[in-house]
Amino acid sequence: MAPLIGEDGDDHSAEGHRVFLDSMLQRDYGKSLYDCLFILGDNCAFNRRLATIAHLPLIGCASRWLNIAVQAYLQFYKDELDTIQNLMRKLRTLNHAAKLRHAMMDRYFCLAGFIEADDEELCELMASPRSVKRLLSLPSDLKRIESVSKSLQCETTTILDVRLWFDGLIEVDPSFAEYLAPRARIVHSPDFESGCTKVLEGEGAKLTRAESAALEPFAIEHSESESDSESGSFVAQLQRKCRRAQKPQEYGLLSLISPTSNMVERFFSLARVTFGHERHSLSPYTLEMVLFLRVNKKYWDVRTVEQCT
């Protein structure tokens, strides 16, 4: 799916991208934008506008949400972290700085064993006891955040997994709720995402009316043959109809929806590296084919190439 290159009058607005996506899908795949079920990407204003005018739910990138939440979280420790950073810069010129090669926070808590009590210049840069007390819980919190961040890179991660991890971070520190809560302001389509979470958790019967409407394109219809509907007594037919009405609606494909756009971002990074090394000799078609083969390298090997030549 390569964008048009150098077209006169290119419109890079959300409406322009909507028109391009619709025409590209019809031209290359025989589909239309109405066949799309959702949009996955960063929750920036552009993507939010595109999803709105396309009448599609937008699944915000969970990795992006986490980064924003962490930045806001670290603002509570800004003064203390600035103090530590200034101290680290000073230690770059000292011999005992070589002994402090762990993460900045871990290095800081080791400083007391390396800084001499009569070193007035360094003592002035040390954080106060009150600041040290505030920072004691920060390393463990950062390890939890790092664990979630790494898990988000897995291709098998589902929307339910993300909700479980984000709720865990909110329990650790309620300030994360501003960006990681199910209905945070940053979420474009909260009914769709909360509905996916309930269905994947096996609680489809608890869907609200708005959540059911958001998931309607994913609903699985079980058609009953005419012979089955007419078989049995009238009472048996009514009982079957009642059981079908009481059975929770089933939804398909929800477990396959990626909660992050990390895969696409890695692809763009690969494209940039590939085009950077070979830009003088690759045509757009060749570049697209090379990237296609690299992304799908698990499906072919040398023997496959030999069979094609």
C-alpha atoms as a PDB file:
ATOM      1  CA  MET A   1       0.000   0.000   0.000  1.00  0.00           C
ATOM      2  CA  ALA A   2       2.324   2.733  -1.270  1.00  0.00           C
ATOM      3  CA  PRO A   3       0.989   6.324  -1.286  1.00  0.00           C
ATOM      4  CA  LEU A   4       0.846   8.311  -4.489  1.00  0.00           C
ATOM      5  CA  ILE A   5       4.187   9.990  -5.151  1.00  0.00           C
ATOM      6  CA  GLY A   6       4.423  13.581  -6.315  1.00  0.00           C
ATOM      7  CA  GLU A   7       0.846  13.968  -7.496  1.00  0.00           C
ATOM      8  CA  ASP A   8      -0.202  17.504  -8.381  1.00  0.00           C
ATOM      9  CA  GLY A   9      -2.598  19.007  -5.889  1.00  0.00           C
ATOM     10  CA  ASP A  10      -1.961  16.400  -3.186  1.00  0.00           C
ATOM     11  CA  ASP A  11      -4.208  17.013  -0.200  1.00  0.00           C
ATOM     12  CA  HIS A  12      -2.661  15.832   3.059  1.00  0.00           C
ATOM     13  CA  SER A  13      -5.689  16.618   5.198  1.00  0.00           C
ATOM     14  CA  ALA A  14      -7.770  13.936   6.904  1.00  0.00           C
ATOM     15  CA  GLU A  15     -10.377  14.213   4.153  1.00  0.00           C
ATOM     16  CA  GLY A  16      -7.661  13.847   1.510  1.00  0.00           C
ATOM     17  CA  HIS A  17      -6.399  10.671   3.166  1.00  0.00           C
ATOM     18  CA  ARG A  18      -9.931   9.317   3.405  1.00  0.00           C
ATOM     19  CA  VAL A  19     -10.436   9.835  -0.327  1.00  0.00           C
ATOM     20  CA  PHE A  20      -7.053   8.258  -1.080  1.00  0.00           C
ATOM     21  CA  LEU A  21      -7.722   5.212   1.095  1.00  0.00           C
ATOM     22  CA  ASP A  22     -11.103   4.681  -0.508  1.00  0.00           C
ATOM     23  CA  SER A  23      -9.742   4.949  -4.065  1.00  0.00           C
ATOM     24  CA  MET A  24      -6.674   2.812  -3.277  1.00  0.00           C
ATOM     25  CA  LEU A  25      -8.747   0.033  -1.698  1.00  0.00           C
ATOM     26  CA  GLN A  26     -11.079  -0.066  -4.692  1.00  0.00           C
ATOM     27  CA  ARG A  27      -8.244   0.034  -7.215  1.00  0.00           C
ATOM     28  CA  ASP A  28      -5.903  -2.523  -5.651  1.00  0.00           C
ATOM     29  CA  TYR A  29      -8.167  -4.784  -3.607  1.00  0.00           C
ATOM     30  CA  GLY A  30     -11.685  -4.386  -4.954  1.00  0.00           C
ATOM     31  CA  LYS A  31     -12.831  -3.077  -1.570  1.00  0.00           C
ATOM     32  CA  SER A  32     -14.111   0.205  -0.242  1.00  0.00           C
ATOM     33  CA  LEU A  33     -13.536   2.107   2.963  1.00  0.00           C
ATOM     34  CA  TYR A  34     -16.920   0.851   4.150  1.00  0.00           C
ATOM     35  CA  ASP A  35     -15.400  -2.645   4.307  1.00  0.00           C
ATOM     36  CA  CYS A  36     -12.949  -1.487   6.994  1.00  0.00           C
ATOM     37  CA  LEU A  37     -13.992  -2.240  10.557  1.00  0.00           C
ATOM     38  CA  PHE A  38     -11.621   0.009  12.519  1.00  0.00           C
ATOM     39  CA  ILE A  39      -8.549   2.242  12.323  1.00  0.00           C
ATOM     40  CA  LEU A  40      -5.455   1.559  14.408  1.00  0.00           C
ATOM     41  CA  GLY A  41      -2.942   4.298  15.110  1.00  0.00           C
ATOM     42  CA  ASP A  42      -1.728   7.082  17.327  1.00  0.00           C
ATOM     43  CA  ASN A  43      -4.463   9.114  19.006  1.00  0.00           C
ATOM     44  CA  CYS A  44      -3.291  12.339  17.377  1.00  0.00           C
ATOM     45  CA  ALA A  45      -5.797  14.921  16.163  1.00  0.00           C
ATOM     46  CA  PHE A  46      -5.318  13.858  12.535  1.00  0.00           C
ATOM     47  CA  ASN A  47      -6.156  10.188  13.153  1.00  0.00           C
ATOM     48  CA  ARG A  48      -9.077  11.125  15.382  1.00  0.00           C
ATOM     49  CA  ARG A  49     -10.482  13.317  12.616  1.00  0.00           C
ATOM     50  CA  LEU A  50      -9.918  10.607   9.992  1.00  0.00           C
ATOM     51  CA  ALA A  51     -11.734   8.021  12.107  1.00  0.00           C
ATOM     52  CA  THR A  52     -14.596  10.434  12.738  1.00  0.00           C
ATOM     53  CA  ILE A  53     -15.251  11.330   9.094  1.00  0.00           C
ATOM     54  CA  ALA A  54     -14.821   7.680   8.059  1.00  0.00           C
ATOM     55  CA  HIS A  55     -17.328   6.630  10.753  1.00  0.00           C
ATOM     56  CA  LEU A  56     -14.918   4.034  12.114  1.00  0.00           C
ATOM     57  CA  PRO A  57     -13.702   3.328  15.659  1.00  0.00           C
ATOM     58  CA  LEU A  58     -10.122   4.375  16.332  1.00  0.00           C
ATOM     59  CA  ILE A  59      -7.995   2.043  18.440  1.00  0.00           C
ATOM     60  CA  GLY A  60      -5.286   4.196  19.941  1.00  0.00           C
ATOM     61  CA  CYS A  61      -1.780   2.761  20.151  1.00  0.00           C
ATOM     62  CA  ALA A  62      -1.373   1.437  23.708  1.00  0.00           C
ATOM     63  CA  SER A  63       2.391   1.998  23.602  1.00  0.00           C
ATOM     64  CA  ARG A  64       1.818   5.664  22.829  1.00  0.00           C
ATOM     65  CA  TRP A  65      -0.674   5.965  25.692  1.00  0.00           C
ATOM     66  CA  LEU A  66       1.837   4.422  28.065  1.00  0.00           C
ATOM     67  CA  ASN A  67       4.583   6.815  26.968  1.00  0.00           C
ATOM     68  CA  ILE A  68       2.345   9.826  27.554  1.00  0.00           C
ATOM     69  CA  ALA A  69       1.266   8.495  30.950  1.00  0.00           C
ATOM     70  CA  VAL A  70       4.876   7.885  32.007  1.00  0.00           C
ATOM     71  CA  GLN A  71       5.917  11.390  30.968  1.00  0.00           C
ATOM     72  CA  ALA A  72       3.110  12.852  33.069  1.00  0.00           C
ATOM     73  CA  TYR A  73       4.015  10.532  35.958  1.00  0.00           C
ATOM     74  CA  LEU A  74       7.657  11.605  35.946  1.00  0.00           C
ATOM     75  CA  GLN A  75       6.638  15.258  36.165  1.00  0.00           C
ATOM     76  CA  PHE A  76       5.863  14.611  39.846  1.00  0.00           C
ATOM     77  CA  TYR A  77       9.577  13.851  40.323  1.00  0.00           C
ATOM     78  CA  LYS A  78      10.932  16.532  37.990  1.00  0.00           C
ATOM     79  CA  ASP A  79      12.912  18.471  40.606  1.00  0.00           C
ATOM     80  CA  GLU A  80      14.441  15.338  42.113  1.00  0.00           C
ATOM     81  CA  LEU A  81      15.322  13.881  38.707  1.00  0.00           C
ATOM     82  CA  ASP A  82      16.904  17.170  37.616  1.00  0.00           C
ATOM     83  CA  THR A  83      19.056  17.081  40.747  1.00  0.00           C
ATOM     84  CA  ILE A  84      20.175  13.535  39.994  1.00  0.00           C
ATOM     85  CA  GLN A  85      20.908  14.391  36.372  1.00  0.00           C
ATOM     86  CA  ASN A  86      23.099  17.329  37.389  1.00  0.00           C
ATOM     87  CA  LEU A  87      24.993  15.075  39.758  1.00  0.00           C
ATOM     88  CA  MET A  88      25.510  12.460  37.036  1.00  0.00           C
ATOM     89  CA  ARG A  89      26.936  15.123  34.731  1.00  0.00           C
ATOM     90  CA  LYS A  90      29.373  16.157  37.429  1.00  0.00           C
ATOM     91  CA  LEU A  91      30.466  12.576  38.033  1.00  0.00           C
ATOM     92  CA  ARG A  92      31.436  12.095  34.400  1.00  0.00           C
ATOM     93  CA  THR A  93      34.748  13.773  35.153  1.00  0.00           C
ATOM     94  CA  LEU A  94      35.462  11.766  38.320  1.00  0.00           C
ATOM     95  CA  ASN A  95      37.241   8.452  38.585  1.00  0.00           C
ATOM     96  CA  HIS A  96      34.638   6.775  40.764  1.00  0.00           C
ATOM     97  CA  ALA A  97      31.960   7.449  38.144  1.00  0.00           C
ATOM     98  CA  ALA A  98      33.124   4.320  36.328  1.00  0.00           C
ATOM     99  CA  LYS A  99      31.762   2.233  39.192  1.00  0.00           C
ATOM    100  CA  LEU A 100      28.260   3.603  38.618  1.00  0.00           C
ATOM    101  CA  ARG A 101      27.097   2.089  35.336  1.00  0.00           C
ATOM    102  CA  HIS A 102      23.553   0.973  36.131  1.00  0.00           C
ATOM    103  CA  ALA A 103      20.394   2.950  35.427  1.00  0.00           C
ATOM    104  CA  MET A 104      20.449   6.515  36.684  1.00  0.00           C
ATOM    105  CA  MET A 105      18.194   5.814  39.651  1.00  0.00           C
ATOM    106  CA  ASP A 106      20.179   2.761  40.729  1.00  0.00           C
ATOM    107  CA  ARG A 107      23.396   4.741  40.386  1.00  0.00           C
ATOM    108  CA  TYR A 108      22.041   7.488  42.551  1.00  0.00           C
ATOM    109  CA  PHE A 109      21.251   5.208  45.475  1.00  0.00           C
ATOM    110  CA  CYS A 110      24.828   3.922  45.326  1.00  0.00           C
ATOM    111  CA  LEU A 111      26.356   7.380  45.553  1.00  0.00           C
ATOM    112  CA  ALA A 112      26.621   7.445  49.337  1.00  0.00           C
ATOM    113  CA  GLY A 113      29.269   4.738  49.236  1.00  0.00           C
ATOM    114  CA  PHE A 114      31.447   6.619  46.760  1.00  0.00           C
ATOM    115  CA  ILE A 115      31.171  10.288  47.662  1.00  0.00           C
ATOM    116  CA  GLU A 116      33.426  11.512  50.426  1.00  0.00           C
ATOM    117  CA  ALA A 117      31.813  13.437  53.252  1.00  0.00           C
ATOM    118  CA  ASP A 118      34.254  16.364  52.901  1.00  0.00           C
ATOM    119  CA  ASP A 119      33.612  16.750  49.158  1.00  0.00           C
ATOM    120  CA  GLU A 120      31.682  20.015  49.414  1.00  0.00           C
ATOM    121  CA  GLU A 121      31.256  20.438  45.659  1.00  0.00           C
ATOM    122  CA  LEU A 122      29.434  17.117  45.267  1.00  0.00           C
ATOM    123  CA  CYS A 123      27.512  17.363  48.526  1.00  0.00           C
ATOM    124  CA  GLU A 124      25.883  20.534  47.252  1.00  0.00           C
ATOM    125  CA  LEU A 125      24.500  18.549  44.307  1.00  0.00           C
ATOM    126  CA  MET A 126      23.103  15.710  46.400  1.00  0.00           C
ATOM    127  CA  ALA A 127      19.339  15.502  46.833  1.00  0.00           C
ATOM    128  CA  SER A 128      17.842  16.329  50.197  1.00  0.00           C
ATOM    129  CA  PRO A 129      16.709  13.541  52.559  1.00  0.00           C
ATOM    130  CA  ARG A 130      13.092  14.434  51.752  1.00  0.00           C
ATOM    131  CA  SER A 131      13.763  14.021  48.030  1.00  0.00           C
ATOM    132  CA  VAL A 132      15.526  10.712  48.618  1.00  0.00           C
ATOM    133  CA  LYS A 133      12.497   9.448  50.526  1.00  0.00           C
ATOM    134  CA  ARG A 134      10.232  10.367  47.596  1.00  0.00           C
ATOM    135  CA  LEU A 135      12.494   8.599  45.126  1.00  0.00           C
ATOM    136  CA  LEU A 136      12.710   5.317  47.020  1.00  0.00           C
ATOM    137  CA  SER A 137       9.603   3.899  45.327  1.00  0.00           C
ATOM    138  CA  LEU A 138      10.463   5.180  41.842  1.00  0.00           C
ATOM    139  CA  PRO A 139      12.849   2.377  40.714  1.00  0.00           C
ATOM    140  CA  SER A 140      10.290  -0.350  41.456  1.00  0.00           C
ATOM    141  CA  ASP A 141       7.567   1.607  39.639  1.00  0.00           C
ATOM    142  CA  LEU A 142       9.824   2.095  36.618  1.00  0.00           C
ATOM    143  CA  LYS A 143      10.492  -1.644  36.503  1.00  0.00           C
ATOM    144  CA  ARG A 144       6.748  -2.320  36.399  1.00  0.00           C
ATOM    145  CA  ILE A 145       6.338   0.195  33.598  1.00  0.00           C
ATOM    146  CA  GLU A 146       9.230  -1.339  31.684  1.00  0.00           C
ATOM    147  CA  SER A 147       7.648  -4.781  32.035  1.00  0.00           C
ATOM    148  CA  VAL A 148       4.385  -3.523  30.535  1.00  0.00           C
ATOM    149  CA  SER A 149       6.198  -1.630  27.774  1.00  0.00           C
ATOM    150  CA  LYS A 150       8.123  -4.726  26.687  1.00  0.00           C
ATOM    151  CA  SER A 151       5.010  -6.902  26.783  1.00  0.00           C
ATOM    152  CA  LEU A 152       3.236  -4.459  24.466  1.00  0.00           C
ATOM    153  CA  GLN A 153       5.801  -5.314  21.776  1.00  0.00           C
ATOM    154  CA  CYS A 154       4.502  -8.894  21.535  1.00  0.00           C
ATOM    155  CA  GLU A 155       2.468  -9.539  18.386  1.00  0.00           C
ATOM    156  CA  THR A 156       0.018 -11.806  20.250  1.00  0.00           C
ATOM    157  CA  THR A 157      -1.020  -9.109  22.744  1.00  0.00           C
ATOM    158  CA  THR A 158      -4.773  -8.465  22.781  1.00  0.00           C
ATOM    159  CA  ILE A 159      -6.923  -5.550  23.888  1.00  0.00           C
ATOM    160  CA  LEU A 160      -7.841  -7.558  26.991  1.00  0.00           C
ATOM    161  CA  ASP A 161      -4.161  -7.981  27.902  1.00  0.00           C
ATOM    162  CA  VAL A 162      -3.603  -4.235  27.636  1.00  0.00           C
ATOM    163  CA  ARG A 163      -6.593  -3.468  29.849  1.00  0.00           C
ATOM    164  CA  LEU A 164      -5.341  -5.939  32.472  1.00  0.00           C
ATOM    165  CA  TRP A 165      -1.847  -4.389  32.502  1.00  0.00           C
ATOM    166  CA  PHE A 166      -3.075  -0.796  32.491  1.00  0.00           C
ATOM    167  CA  ASP A 167      -5.484  -1.494  35.354  1.00  0.00           C
ATOM    168  CA  GLY A 168      -2.540  -2.952  37.266  1.00  0.00           C
ATOM    169  CA  LEU A 169      -0.535   0.250  36.781  1.00  0.00           C
ATOM    170  CA  ILE A 170      -3.519   2.324  37.896  1.00  0.00           C
ATOM    171  CA  GLU A 171      -3.696   0.267  41.095  1.00  0.00           C
ATOM    172  CA  VAL A 172      -0.018   1.014  41.731  1.00  0.00           C
ATOM    173  CA  ASP A 173      -0.477   4.746  41.117  1.00  0.00           C
ATOM    174  CA  PRO A 174      -3.951   6.234  40.478  1.00  0.00           C
ATOM    175  CA  SER A 175      -2.400   9.125  38.525  1.00  0.00           C
ATOM    176  CA  PHE A 176      -2.043   6.770  35.549  1.00  0.00           C
ATOM    177  CA  ALA A 177      -5.836   6.779  35.200  1.00  0.00           C
ATOM    178  CA  GLU A 178      -5.714  10.148  33.419  1.00  0.00           C
ATOM    179  CA  TYR A 179      -4.352   8.428  30.301  1.00  0.00           C
ATOM    180  CA  LEU A 180      -4.749   4.673  30.891  1.00  0.00           C
ATOM    181  CA  ALA A 181      -8.313   4.413  32.233  1.00  0.00           C
ATOM    182  CA  PRO A 182     -10.891   2.707  29.958  1.00  0.00           C
ATOM    183  CA  ARG A 183     -12.698   5.995  29.368  1.00  0.00           C
ATOM    184  CA  ALA A 184      -9.854   8.468  29.591  1.00  0.00           C
ATOM    185  CA  ARG A 185     -10.172  11.632  27.501  1.00  0.00           C
ATOM    186  CA  ILE A 186      -7.467  10.397  25.140  1.00  0.00           C
ATOM    187  CA  VAL A 187      -9.618   7.406  24.106  1.00  0.00           C
ATOM    188  CA  HIS A 188     -11.473   8.112  20.858  1.00  0.00           C
ATOM    189  CA  SER A 189     -13.822   5.090  20.857  1.00  0.00           C
ATOM    190  CA  PRO A 190     -14.327   4.007  24.489  1.00  0.00           C
ATOM    191  CA  ASP A 191     -17.472   1.973  23.799  1.00  0.00           C
ATOM    192  CA  PHE A 192     -15.715  -0.089  21.149  1.00  0.00           C
ATOM    193  CA  GLU A 193     -12.635  -0.801  23.265  1.00  0.00           C
ATOM    194  CA  SER A 194     -14.552  -1.554  26.458  1.00  0.00           C
ATOM    195  CA  GLY A 195     -16.879  -3.800  24.468  1.00  0.00           C
ATOM    196  CA  CYS A 196     -13.921  -5.729  23.051  1.00  0.00           C
ATOM    197  CA  THR A 197     -12.548  -6.160  26.570  1.00  0.00           C
ATOM    198  CA  LYS A 198     -15.827  -7.552  27.909  1.00  0.00           C
ATOM    199  CA  VAL A 199     -16.251 -10.011  25.041  1.00  0.00           C
ATOM    200  CA  LEU A 200     -12.658 -11.261  25.265  1.00  0.00           C
ATOM    201  CA  GLU A 201     -13.129 -11.654  29.015  1.00  0.00           C
ATOM    202  CA  GLY A 202     -16.201 -13.812  28.447  1.00  0.00           C
ATOM    203  CA  GLU A 203     -18.616 -11.163  29.697  1.00  0.00           C
ATOM    204  CA  GLY A 204     -20.416 -10.431  26.449  1.00  0.00           C
ATOM    205  CA  ALA A 205     -23.762 -10.595  28.248  1.00  0.00           C
ATOM    206  CA  LYS A 206     -22.804  -7.442  30.191  1.00  0.00           C
ATOM    207  CA  LEU A 207     -22.415  -5.241  27.109  1.00  0.00           C
ATOM    208  CA  THR A 208     -24.200  -1.920  27.230  1.00  0.00           C
ATOM    209  CA  ARG A 209     -26.381  -0.810  24.351  1.00  0.00           C
ATOM    210  CA  ALA A 210     -23.653   1.540  23.088  1.00  0.00           C
ATOM    211  CA  GLU A 211     -21.009  -1.196  23.286  1.00  0.00           C
ATOM    212  CA  SER A 212     -23.235  -3.652  21.416  1.00  0.00           C
ATOM    213  CA  ALA A 213     -23.808  -1.083  18.677  1.00  0.00           C
ATOM    214  CA  ALA A 214     -20.059  -0.447  18.379  1.00  0.00           C
ATOM    215  CA  LEU A 215     -19.358  -4.183  18.001  1.00  0.00           C
ATOM    216  CA  GLU A 216     -22.218  -4.873  15.587  1.00  0.00           C
ATOM    217  CA  PRO A 217     -19.929  -5.247  12.512  1.00  0.00           C
ATOM    218  CA  PHE A 218     -18.160  -8.117  14.323  1.00  0.00           C
ATOM    219  CA  ALA A 219     -21.364  -9.961  15.289  1.00  0.00           C
ATOM    220  CA  ILE A 220     -21.625 -13.599  14.179  1.00  0.00           C
ATOM    221  CA  GLU A 221     -25.008 -14.520  12.761  1.00  0.00           C
ATOM    222  CA  HIS A 222     -26.078 -18.155  13.174  1.00  0.00           C
ATOM    223  CA  SER A 223     -28.612 -18.827  10.463  1.00  0.00           C
ATOM    224  CA  GLU A 224     -31.075 -21.643  11.067  1.00  0.00           C
ATOM    225  CA  SER A 225     -32.111 -23.773   8.144  1.00  0.00           C
ATOM    226  CA  GLU A 226     -35.757 -23.705   7.102  1.00  0.00           C
ATOM    227  CA  SER A 227     -36.184 -27.390   7.909  1.00  0.00           C
ATOM    228  CA  ASP A 228     -34.874 -26.894  11.458  1.00  0.00           C
ATOM    229  CA  SER A 229     -37.100 -23.907  12.079  1.00  0.00           C
ATOM    230  CA  GLU A 230     -40.188 -25.852  11.026  1.00  0.00           C
ATOM    231  CA  SER A 231     -39.294 -29.185  12.644  1.00  0.00           C
ATOM    232  CA  GLY A 232     -40.870 -30.289  15.914  1.00  0.00           C
ATOM    233  CA  SER A 233     -44.018 -29.103  17.565  1.00  0.00           C
ATOM    234  CA  PHE A 234     -45.073 -25.512  17.867  1.00  0.00           C
ATOM    235  CA  VAL A 235     -43.994 -25.483  21.508  1.00  0.00           C
ATOM    236  CA  ALA A 236     -40.545 -26.856  20.586  1.00  0.00           C
ATOM    237  CA  GLN A 237     -40.125 -24.116  18.008  1.00  0.00           C
ATOM    238  CA  LEU A 238     -40.992 -21.460  20.579  1.00  0.00           C
ATOM    239  CA  GLN A 239     -38.547 -22.951  23.077  1.00  0.00           C
ATOM    240  CA  ARG A 240     -35.731 -22.924  20.510  1.00  0.00           C
ATOM    241  CA  LYS A 241     -36.519 -19.320  19.693  1.00  0.00           C
ATOM    242  CA  CYS A 242     -36.429 -18.413  23.395  1.00  0.00           C
ATOM    243  CA  ARG A 243     -33.057 -20.134  23.895  1.00  0.00           C
ATOM    244  CA  ARG A 244     -31.589 -18.267  20.928  1.00  0.00           C
ATOM    245  CA  ALA A 245     -32.831 -14.962  22.340  1.00  0.00           C
ATOM    246  CA  GLN A 246     -31.262 -15.686  25.737  1.00  0.00           C
ATOM    247  CA  LYS A 247     -27.924 -16.767  24.298  1.00  0.00           C
ATOM    248  CA  PRO A 248     -25.327 -13.948  24.346  1.00  0.00           C
ATOM    249  CA  GLN A 249     -24.375 -12.521  20.983  1.00  0.00           C
ATOM    250  CA  GLU A 250     -21.096 -13.910  19.670  1.00  0.00           C
ATOM    251  CA  TYR A 251     -18.432 -11.725  18.056  1.00  0.00           C
ATOM    252  CA  GLY A 252     -15.555 -12.742  15.834  1.00  0.00           C
ATOM    253  CA  LEU A 253     -12.040 -11.459  15.106  1.00  0.00           C
ATOM    254  CA  LEU A 254     -11.774  -9.387  18.305  1.00  0.00           C
ATOM    255  CA  SER A 255      -8.838 -11.437  19.591  1.00  0.00           C
ATOM    256  CA  LEU A 256      -6.937 -10.628  16.379  1.00  0.00           C
ATOM    257  CA  ILE A 257      -7.132  -6.843  16.775  1.00  0.00           C
ATOM    258  CA  SER A 258      -3.720  -5.471  17.676  1.00  0.00           C
ATOM    259  CA  PRO A 259      -3.784  -2.880  20.491  1.00  0.00           C
ATOM    260  CA  THR A 260      -0.617  -1.162  19.223  1.00  0.00           C
ATOM    261  CA  SER A 261       0.790   0.090  15.931  1.00  0.00           C
ATOM    262  CA  ASN A 262       4.293  -1.129  16.816  1.00  0.00           C
ATOM    263  CA  MET A 263       4.353  -3.566  13.905  1.00  0.00           C
ATOM    264  CA  VAL A 264       3.698  -0.773  11.403  1.00  0.00           C
ATOM    265  CA  GLU A 265       6.260   1.506  13.037  1.00  0.00           C
ATOM    266  CA  ARG A 266       8.890  -1.229  12.812  1.00  0.00           C
ATOM    267  CA  PHE A 267       7.985  -1.665   9.147  1.00  0.00           C
ATOM    268  CA  PHE A 268       8.454   2.059   8.489  1.00  0.00           C
ATOM    269  CA  SER A 269      11.821   1.940  10.269  1.00  0.00           C
ATOM    270  CA  LEU A 270      12.826  -0.976   8.067  1.00  0.00           C
ATOM    271  CA  ALA A 271      11.663   0.920   4.980  1.00  0.00           C
ATOM    272  CA  ARG A 272      13.689   3.980   5.961  1.00  0.00           C
ATOM    273  CA  VAL A 273      16.846   1.912   6.507  1.00  0.00           C
ATOM    274  CA  THR A 274      16.376  -0.045   3.288  1.00  0.00           C
ATOM    275  CA  PHE A 275      15.694   3.035   1.200  1.00  0.00           C
ATOM    276  CA  GLY A 276      18.569   4.894   2.867  1.00  0.00           C
ATOM    277  CA  HIS A 277      21.106   2.241   1.897  1.00  0.00           C
ATOM    278  CA  GLU A 278      19.774   1.563  -1.597  1.00  0.00           C
ATOM    279  CA  ARG A 279      18.098   4.815  -2.610  1.00  0.00           C
ATOM    280  CA  HIS A 280      20.258   5.329  -5.714  1.00  0.00           C
ATOM    281  CA  SER A 281      19.413   1.983  -7.279  1.00  0.00           C
ATOM    282  CA  LEU A 282      15.902   1.017  -6.139  1.00  0.00           C
ATOM    283  CA  SER A 283      12.741   1.848  -8.007  1.00  0.00           C
ATOM    284  CA  PRO A 284       9.555   2.236  -5.930  1.00  0.00           C
ATOM    285  CA  TYR A 285       8.340  -1.161  -7.171  1.00  0.00           C
ATOM    286  CA  THR A 286      11.606  -2.903  -6.227  1.00  0.00           C
ATOM    287  CA  LEU A 287      11.647  -1.216  -2.824  1.00  0.00           C
ATOM    288  CA  GLU A 288       8.100  -2.374  -2.152  1.00  0.00           C
ATOM    289  CA  MET A 289       8.978  -5.941  -3.171  1.00  0.00           C
ATOM    290  CA  VAL A 290      12.126  -6.015  -1.001  1.00  0.00           C
ATOM    291  CA  LEU A 291      10.151  -4.808   2.001  1.00  0.00           C
ATOM    292  CA  PHE A 292       7.392  -7.319   1.304  1.00  0.00           C
ATOM    293  CA  LEU A 293       9.915 -10.166   1.276  1.00  0.00           C
ATOM    294  CA  ARG A 294      11.629  -8.963   4.453  1.00  0.00           C
ATOM    295  CA  VAL A 295       8.420  -8.635   6.416  1.00  0.00           C
ATOM    296  CA  ASN A 296       7.280 -12.095   5.278  1.00  0.00           C
ATOM    297  CA  LYS A 297      10.686 -13.783   5.507  1.00  0.00           C
ATOM    298  CA  LYS A 298       9.325 -16.518   7.783  1.00  0.00           C
ATOM    299  CA  TYR A 299       7.287 -17.819   4.836  1.00  0.00           C
ATOM    300  CA  TRP A 300      10.177 -18.338   2.403  1.00  0.00           C
ATOM    301  CA  ASP A 301      13.797 -19.480   2.253  1.00  0.00           C
ATOM    302  CA  VAL A 302      16.525 -20.223  -0.305  1.00  0.00           C
ATOM    303  CA  ARG A 303      14.696 -23.299  -1.577  1.00  0.00           C
ATOM    304  CA  THR A 304      11.630 -21.190  -2.325  1.00  0.00           C
ATOM    305  CA  VAL A 305      13.781 -18.861  -4.429  1.00  0.00           C
ATOM    306  CA  GLU A 306      15.273 -21.816  -6.306  1.00  0.00           C
ATOM    307  CA  GLN A 307      11.812 -23.124  -7.124  1.00  0.00           C
ATOM    308  CA  CYS A 308      10.807 -19.738  -8.559  1.00  0.00           C
ATOM    309  CA  THR A 309      13.900 -19.326 -10.773  1.00  0.00           C
END
